[in-house]
Protein backbone atom coordinates (compact mmCIF):
# COMPACT_ATOMS: atom_id res chain seq x y z
CA MET A 1 -165.25 40.80 97.87
CA VAL A 2 -165.71 37.51 99.03
CA THR A 3 -162.81 36.60 102.06
CA THR A 4 -161.10 33.56 102.18
CA HIS A 5 -161.63 33.15 105.76
CA PRO A 6 -165.29 34.49 106.96
CA ALA A 7 -165.42 36.29 110.04
CA CYS A 8 -167.04 34.60 112.75
CA ILE A 9 -169.82 35.95 115.97
CA LEU A 10 -170.96 33.52 118.33
CA TYR A 11 -173.49 34.40 120.70
CA GLY A 12 -173.84 31.95 123.77
CA GLY A 13 -175.49 32.13 127.39
CA LYS A 14 -178.04 30.21 129.05
CA GLY A 15 -181.14 28.85 127.43
CA GLY A 16 -183.73 31.96 126.84
CA VAL A 17 -181.79 35.24 127.20
CA GLY A 18 -181.96 36.57 123.32
CA LYS A 19 -179.20 34.70 121.59
CA THR A 20 -181.28 33.90 119.01
CA THR A 21 -182.56 37.58 118.27
CA CYS A 22 -179.33 38.71 119.00
CA ALA A 23 -177.82 36.64 116.33
CA ALA A 24 -180.53 37.21 113.78
CA ALA A 25 -180.02 41.07 114.39
CA THR A 26 -175.88 41.04 114.12
CA GLY A 27 -176.49 39.00 110.67
CA LEU A 28 -179.01 41.66 109.31
CA ALA A 29 -176.74 44.18 110.29
CA SER A 30 -173.85 42.18 108.65
CA ALA A 31 -175.90 41.66 105.18
CA ASP A 32 -177.10 45.29 104.97
CA ARG A 33 -173.20 46.78 105.42
CA GLY A 34 -172.41 44.35 102.17
CA ARG A 35 -171.01 41.39 103.47
CA ARG A 36 -172.68 38.38 102.68
CA THR A 37 -173.26 36.48 105.89
CA LEU A 38 -174.50 33.53 107.12
CA VAL A 39 -176.49 32.86 110.47
CA VAL A 40 -176.12 29.19 111.76
CA SER A 41 -178.57 27.90 115.01
CA THR A 42 -176.87 25.45 116.81
CA ASP A 43 -179.19 24.98 119.28
CA PRO A 44 -181.25 21.59 118.72
CA ALA A 45 -184.45 23.89 119.98
CA HIS A 46 -184.66 26.09 116.76
CA SER A 47 -186.19 29.39 116.88
CA LEU A 48 -184.42 31.12 114.40
CA SER A 49 -186.82 30.39 111.89
CA ASP A 50 -189.16 32.36 114.52
CA ALA A 51 -186.83 35.45 114.25
CA TYR A 52 -186.57 35.77 110.63
CA GLY A 53 -190.26 34.74 110.22
CA ALA A 54 -189.40 32.23 107.21
CA GLU A 55 -189.04 28.36 106.83
CA LEU A 56 -184.95 27.25 107.53
CA GLY A 57 -183.46 24.01 107.15
CA PRO A 58 -180.66 22.35 107.39
CA GLU A 59 -179.15 23.75 104.02
CA PRO A 60 -178.61 27.48 103.78
CA ARG A 61 -181.39 29.72 102.38
CA ARG A 62 -181.03 33.30 101.34
CA LEU A 63 -183.61 35.59 102.79
CA ARG A 64 -182.65 38.80 101.53
CA ALA A 65 -179.50 40.29 99.38
CA GLY A 66 -176.37 39.07 101.58
CA LEU A 67 -178.41 37.25 103.99
CA TRP A 68 -178.74 33.31 104.15
CA ALA A 69 -179.38 31.57 107.50
CA VAL A 70 -179.60 28.12 108.51
CA GLU A 71 -180.86 25.55 111.30
CA ILE A 72 -178.55 22.81 111.91
CA ASP A 73 -180.39 19.18 112.81
CA PRO A 74 -177.81 17.79 115.11
CA GLU A 75 -180.01 14.30 114.80
CA ALA A 76 -179.31 13.98 111.16
CA ARG A 77 -175.35 14.71 111.36
CA ALA A 78 -175.26 11.92 114.49
CA GLY A 79 -175.51 8.67 112.03
CA ARG A 80 -172.15 10.04 109.94
CA TYR A 81 -170.35 9.25 113.62
CA GLU A 82 -172.12 6.42 114.81
CA ARG A 83 -170.71 4.67 111.16
CA ILE A 84 -167.40 5.82 111.94
CA ALA A 85 -167.61 3.86 115.14
CA THR A 86 -169.53 0.94 113.48
CA ALA A 87 -166.98 0.79 110.45
CA LEU A 88 -163.89 1.09 112.51
CA ALA A 89 -164.69 -2.19 114.61
CA ALA A 90 -166.29 -4.25 111.50
CA ASP A 91 -162.65 -3.27 109.89
CA LEU A 92 -160.51 -4.23 113.17
CA ARG A 93 -162.48 -7.65 113.90
CA SER A 94 -161.74 -8.22 109.91
CA ALA A 95 -158.21 -7.71 111.17
CA GLY A 96 -158.25 -10.63 113.52
CA ILE A 97 -158.50 -7.81 116.43
CA SER A 98 -160.99 -8.52 119.19
CA LEU A 99 -163.20 -5.54 119.83
CA SER A 100 -166.16 -5.89 122.55
CA ASP A 101 -169.17 -3.23 121.95
CA ALA A 102 -167.84 -1.87 125.19
CA GLU A 103 -164.46 -1.04 123.76
CA VAL A 104 -166.01 0.93 120.89
CA GLU A 105 -168.17 2.78 123.19
CA ARG A 106 -164.51 3.43 125.12
CA ILE A 107 -163.05 4.89 122.14
CA PHE A 108 -166.34 7.42 121.68
CA ALA A 109 -166.50 8.09 125.63
CA ALA A 110 -167.79 10.84 126.27
CA GLY A 111 -167.91 12.53 122.45
CA ALA A 112 -169.48 10.78 119.84
CA PRO A 113 -172.39 8.99 119.85
CA ALA A 114 -173.32 10.17 123.35
CA GLY A 115 -172.74 13.52 122.37
CA SER A 116 -173.05 13.58 118.72
CA ASP A 117 -174.94 16.81 118.96
CA GLU A 118 -172.56 19.04 120.13
CA LEU A 119 -169.77 17.40 117.68
CA ALA A 120 -172.25 18.08 114.78
CA ALA A 121 -172.22 21.73 115.48
CA LEU A 122 -168.59 21.95 116.21
CA ASP A 123 -167.95 19.98 112.65
CA LEU A 124 -170.26 22.22 111.08
CA PHE A 125 -168.98 25.04 113.06
CA ALA A 126 -165.66 24.44 111.27
CA GLU A 127 -167.02 23.49 107.45
CA TYR A 128 -168.74 27.07 107.90
CA ALA A 129 -166.06 29.23 109.17
CA ALA A 130 -163.76 27.76 106.17
CA ASP A 131 -166.50 28.22 103.38
CA GLU A 132 -165.26 30.64 101.16
CA ARG A 133 -169.15 31.73 100.06
CA TRP A 134 -169.36 33.96 103.25
CA ASP A 135 -167.78 36.94 104.57
CA ALA A 136 -169.13 36.64 107.74
CA VAL A 137 -170.74 33.85 110.02
CA VAL A 138 -172.81 34.65 113.00
CA PHE A 139 -173.51 31.44 115.33
CA ASP A 140 -176.40 31.12 117.59
CA THR A 141 -175.57 28.73 119.96
CA ALA A 142 -176.75 26.37 122.07
CA PRO A 143 -177.37 26.86 126.03
CA THR A 144 -174.74 27.13 128.26
CA GLY A 145 -173.98 23.36 129.27
CA HIS A 146 -173.85 22.27 125.71
CA THR A 147 -171.77 25.09 124.25
CA LEU A 148 -168.80 24.10 127.13
CA ARG A 149 -169.15 20.51 126.41
CA LEU A 150 -168.46 21.98 122.51
CA PHE A 151 -165.08 23.16 123.99
CA ALA A 152 -163.80 19.80 124.93
CA LEU A 153 -164.48 17.63 121.90
CA PRO A 154 -161.01 18.35 120.32
CA GLU A 155 -159.68 17.02 123.56
CA VAL A 156 -162.03 14.12 123.49
CA MET A 157 -161.55 13.16 119.99
CA GLY A 158 -157.85 13.15 120.38
CA LEU A 159 -158.35 10.37 123.19
CA ALA A 160 -160.38 8.46 120.44
CA LEU A 161 -157.28 8.73 118.12
CA ARG A 162 -154.88 7.51 120.79
CA THR A 163 -157.47 4.62 121.39
CA THR A 164 -157.57 3.38 117.58
CA GLY A 165 -153.65 4.13 117.30
CA SER A 166 -153.13 1.41 120.41
CA LEU A 167 -155.59 -0.94 118.22
CA ARG A 168 -153.43 0.01 114.94
CA ASP A 169 -150.27 -1.20 116.63
CA GLN A 170 -152.31 -4.38 117.31
CA ALA A 171 -153.02 -4.49 113.40
CA ARG A 172 -149.67 -3.97 112.66
CA ARG A 173 -147.97 -6.74 114.39
CA ILE A 174 -150.78 -8.97 112.93
CA GLY A 175 -149.31 -8.11 109.60
CA THR A 176 -148.98 -5.56 106.58
CA ALA A 177 -152.82 -7.50 104.99
CA ALA A 178 -154.32 -6.81 108.35
CA ARG A 179 -153.55 -3.41 108.06
CA GLY A 180 -154.61 -2.72 104.58
CA MET A 181 -158.04 -4.64 106.14
CA MET A 182 -158.34 -2.35 108.96
CA PHE A 183 -158.02 1.18 107.05
CA GLY A 184 -158.68 0.74 103.62
CA PRO A 185 -161.97 -0.45 103.99
CA LEU A 186 -162.85 2.06 106.71
CA ALA A 187 -161.59 5.23 104.35
CA ALA A 188 -163.80 3.59 101.27
CA ALA A 189 -166.55 3.25 103.37
CA GLY A 190 -166.23 6.88 104.54
CA ARG A 191 -166.01 7.89 100.85
CA ALA A 192 -168.73 5.76 99.95
CA ASP A 193 -171.46 6.93 102.69
CA GLY A 194 -170.46 10.52 103.09
CA THR A 195 -168.66 9.78 106.41
CA ASP A 196 -165.01 10.43 107.02
CA ASP A 197 -162.72 8.86 109.04
CA LEU A 198 -161.69 9.62 112.55
CA GLU A 199 -158.05 11.55 111.30
CA ALA A 200 -160.26 13.44 109.37
CA LEU A 201 -162.99 14.35 111.46
CA ARG A 202 -160.54 15.52 114.31
CA ASP A 203 -158.37 17.45 111.60
CA ARG A 204 -161.71 19.06 111.24
CA LEU A 205 -162.45 19.69 115.19
CA GLU A 206 -158.55 21.01 115.51
CA GLY A 207 -159.30 23.51 112.95
CA ALA A 208 -162.30 24.66 114.34
CA ARG A 209 -160.65 25.35 117.92
CA GLU A 210 -158.19 27.17 115.81
CA VAL A 211 -160.61 29.33 114.45
CA LEU A 212 -162.57 29.51 117.86
CA THR A 213 -159.60 31.00 119.82
CA ASP A 214 -158.44 33.15 116.59
CA SER A 215 -158.89 36.77 118.03
CA GLU A 216 -158.61 38.31 114.71
CA ARG A 217 -161.12 36.12 113.40
CA THR A 218 -163.64 35.22 116.23
CA ALA A 219 -165.68 37.02 118.81
CA PHE A 220 -167.83 35.45 121.20
CA ARG A 221 -170.28 37.38 122.82
CA VAL A 222 -172.32 36.63 125.90
CA VAL A 223 -176.04 37.28 126.50
CA THR A 224 -177.08 37.50 129.73
CA ILE A 225 -180.45 39.36 131.36
CA PRO A 226 -180.63 41.38 134.34
CA GLU A 227 -180.91 38.66 136.96
CA SER A 228 -178.96 37.39 139.72
CA MET A 229 -178.96 33.54 138.12
CA ALA A 230 -178.49 34.52 135.03
CA ILE A 231 -175.38 36.51 135.80
CA ALA A 232 -173.65 33.63 137.91
CA GLU A 233 -174.22 31.36 134.97
CA THR A 234 -172.62 34.02 133.06
CA GLU A 235 -169.46 34.47 135.09
CA ARG A 236 -169.06 30.52 134.95
CA LEU A 237 -169.23 30.80 131.35
CA VAL A 238 -166.62 33.68 130.88
CA ALA A 239 -164.18 31.80 133.45
CA ARG A 240 -164.93 28.56 130.98
CA LEU A 241 -163.98 31.02 127.66
CA ARG A 242 -161.11 32.52 129.51
CA ALA A 243 -159.65 28.56 130.30
CA GLU A 244 -159.74 27.79 126.79
CA GLU A 245 -158.46 31.08 125.46
CA ILE A 246 -161.83 31.74 123.42
CA PRO A 247 -162.20 35.48 122.65
CA VAL A 248 -164.50 37.41 124.26
CA ARG A 249 -164.77 41.08 124.26
CA ARG A 250 -168.96 42.11 124.95
CA ILE A 251 -171.43 40.97 126.85
CA VAL A 252 -175.27 41.33 126.26
CA VAL A 253 -177.56 42.64 129.20
CA ASN A 254 -181.17 41.54 127.24
CA ARG A 255 -184.56 42.74 128.80
CA VAL A 256 -183.51 45.83 130.70
CA LEU A 257 -186.35 47.89 131.31
CA GLU A 258 -185.59 51.69 130.00
CA ALA A 259 -188.88 52.83 129.29
CA HIS A 260 -191.87 52.63 131.77
CA ASP A 261 -194.59 54.64 133.26
CA ASP A 262 -193.98 57.10 135.77
CA ASP A 263 -196.91 56.52 137.79
CA CYS A 264 -196.05 52.57 138.33
CA ALA A 265 -194.33 52.03 141.95
CA ARG A 266 -193.95 48.23 140.54
CA CYS A 267 -192.16 49.49 137.34
CA ARG A 268 -189.61 52.08 139.46
CA ARG A 269 -188.45 49.42 141.51
CA ARG A 270 -188.15 47.01 138.58
CA ALA A 271 -186.08 49.58 136.54
CA ARG A 272 -184.10 50.44 139.24
CA ARG A 273 -183.42 46.53 140.41
CA ASN A 274 -182.21 46.47 136.38
CA GLU A 275 -180.09 49.62 136.89
CA ALA A 276 -178.44 47.78 139.83
CA ARG A 277 -177.78 44.75 138.24
CA VAL A 278 -176.50 45.81 135.06
CA ALA A 279 -173.86 48.20 137.20
CA GLU A 280 -173.12 44.39 138.91
CA ILE A 281 -172.41 43.24 135.88
CA ARG A 282 -169.90 46.02 134.92
CA ARG A 283 -167.98 45.75 138.04
CA THR A 284 -167.79 41.94 137.39
CA PHE A 285 -166.67 42.11 134.02
CA PRO A 286 -164.62 45.41 133.96
CA GLU A 287 -162.78 44.34 131.16
CA LEU A 288 -165.81 43.54 129.20
CA GLU A 289 -168.06 46.28 126.98
CA ALA A 290 -171.99 45.89 128.30
CA LEU A 291 -174.15 46.70 126.34
CA THR A 292 -177.92 46.81 126.96
CA LEU A 293 -181.21 45.92 125.22
CA PRO A 294 -184.42 47.08 125.79
CA GLU A 295 -186.90 44.58 127.08
CA ALA A 296 -189.37 43.87 124.27
CA GLU A 297 -193.00 44.47 123.94
CA ALA A 298 -193.55 41.38 122.50
CA ASP A 299 -191.77 38.61 120.81
CA VAL A 300 -188.64 40.28 118.64
CA HIS A 301 -189.97 38.61 114.92
CA GLY A 302 -189.40 39.96 111.51
CA VAL A 303 -186.93 42.15 109.78
CA GLU A 304 -188.50 45.67 110.85
CA ARG A 305 -188.30 44.54 114.69
CA LEU A 306 -184.80 43.17 114.15
CA THR A 307 -183.45 46.67 112.79
CA GLY A 308 -184.25 47.80 116.13
CA ILE A 309 -181.93 45.63 117.85
CA ALA A 310 -179.26 45.71 115.14
CA ASP A 311 -178.64 49.29 115.49
CA ARG A 312 -177.30 48.56 118.94
CA LEU A 313 -175.21 45.95 118.17
CA PRO A 314 -171.79 46.71 117.06
CA LEU A 315 -170.31 44.51 113.95
CA GLU A 316 -166.68 44.81 115.26
């Protein structure tokens, strides 16, 4: 039975640590449990297609019973937000309000269009998290820097709306006709070309934040590898997640050398280093469950190889 509100699992971390593999494996395990599951890649450098060995695009594709996957193209959505800015500027000018290009840029400072890839990711998170077709949605997020900027977007768009609110007051002083010119055409234009006005976008972003901070629905899993630099970045990410009140309960330590030739001195030394790093992670994050995944001999592609990873990643 499809639930009204799908459960959400997000995988994040620095680039190249195996987030896509974890997301793809978790999606597979979820579908095998009978859940209608969507796996979403919000990383501009998509590799979900490679993980599943299937061609994916901007619309969900069914891969097998209960499993769909989609790769978001942030650039494809960037035009939506640029059109909002353009329409807003045109309508304000029609209302007799002088609005320079610099002022339009200020409205979208640090958000769209400059950060339209993160905006697209959060916007689509809101869309899929509210989609009644799915029981579970698994997100393969962009590398840490992009992910952290994504969390700030609701506040950024709040700033944009405060700025437009001030401009709306100017239009009110001009008169009722000017107000109609300002917001009527903008809303109409939004419906005609598929864009939304800023308030609708703000509502979706706030809805996304509510889901992200809901521990009953959302779990953020940090993926890392047993190396000092990766652990340091993991500390920064976990600290930011806590500051944003986003629930994180697990760390996945990938590429841990578990099986090796006892006659290989280099292998033994590396195994000891990996063991020490895993112990360091457990000491650094005593309140988080640390799961380990073995180093793969080759890239993890295809359902058969993903199944072995899925068996070590709990769904709950």
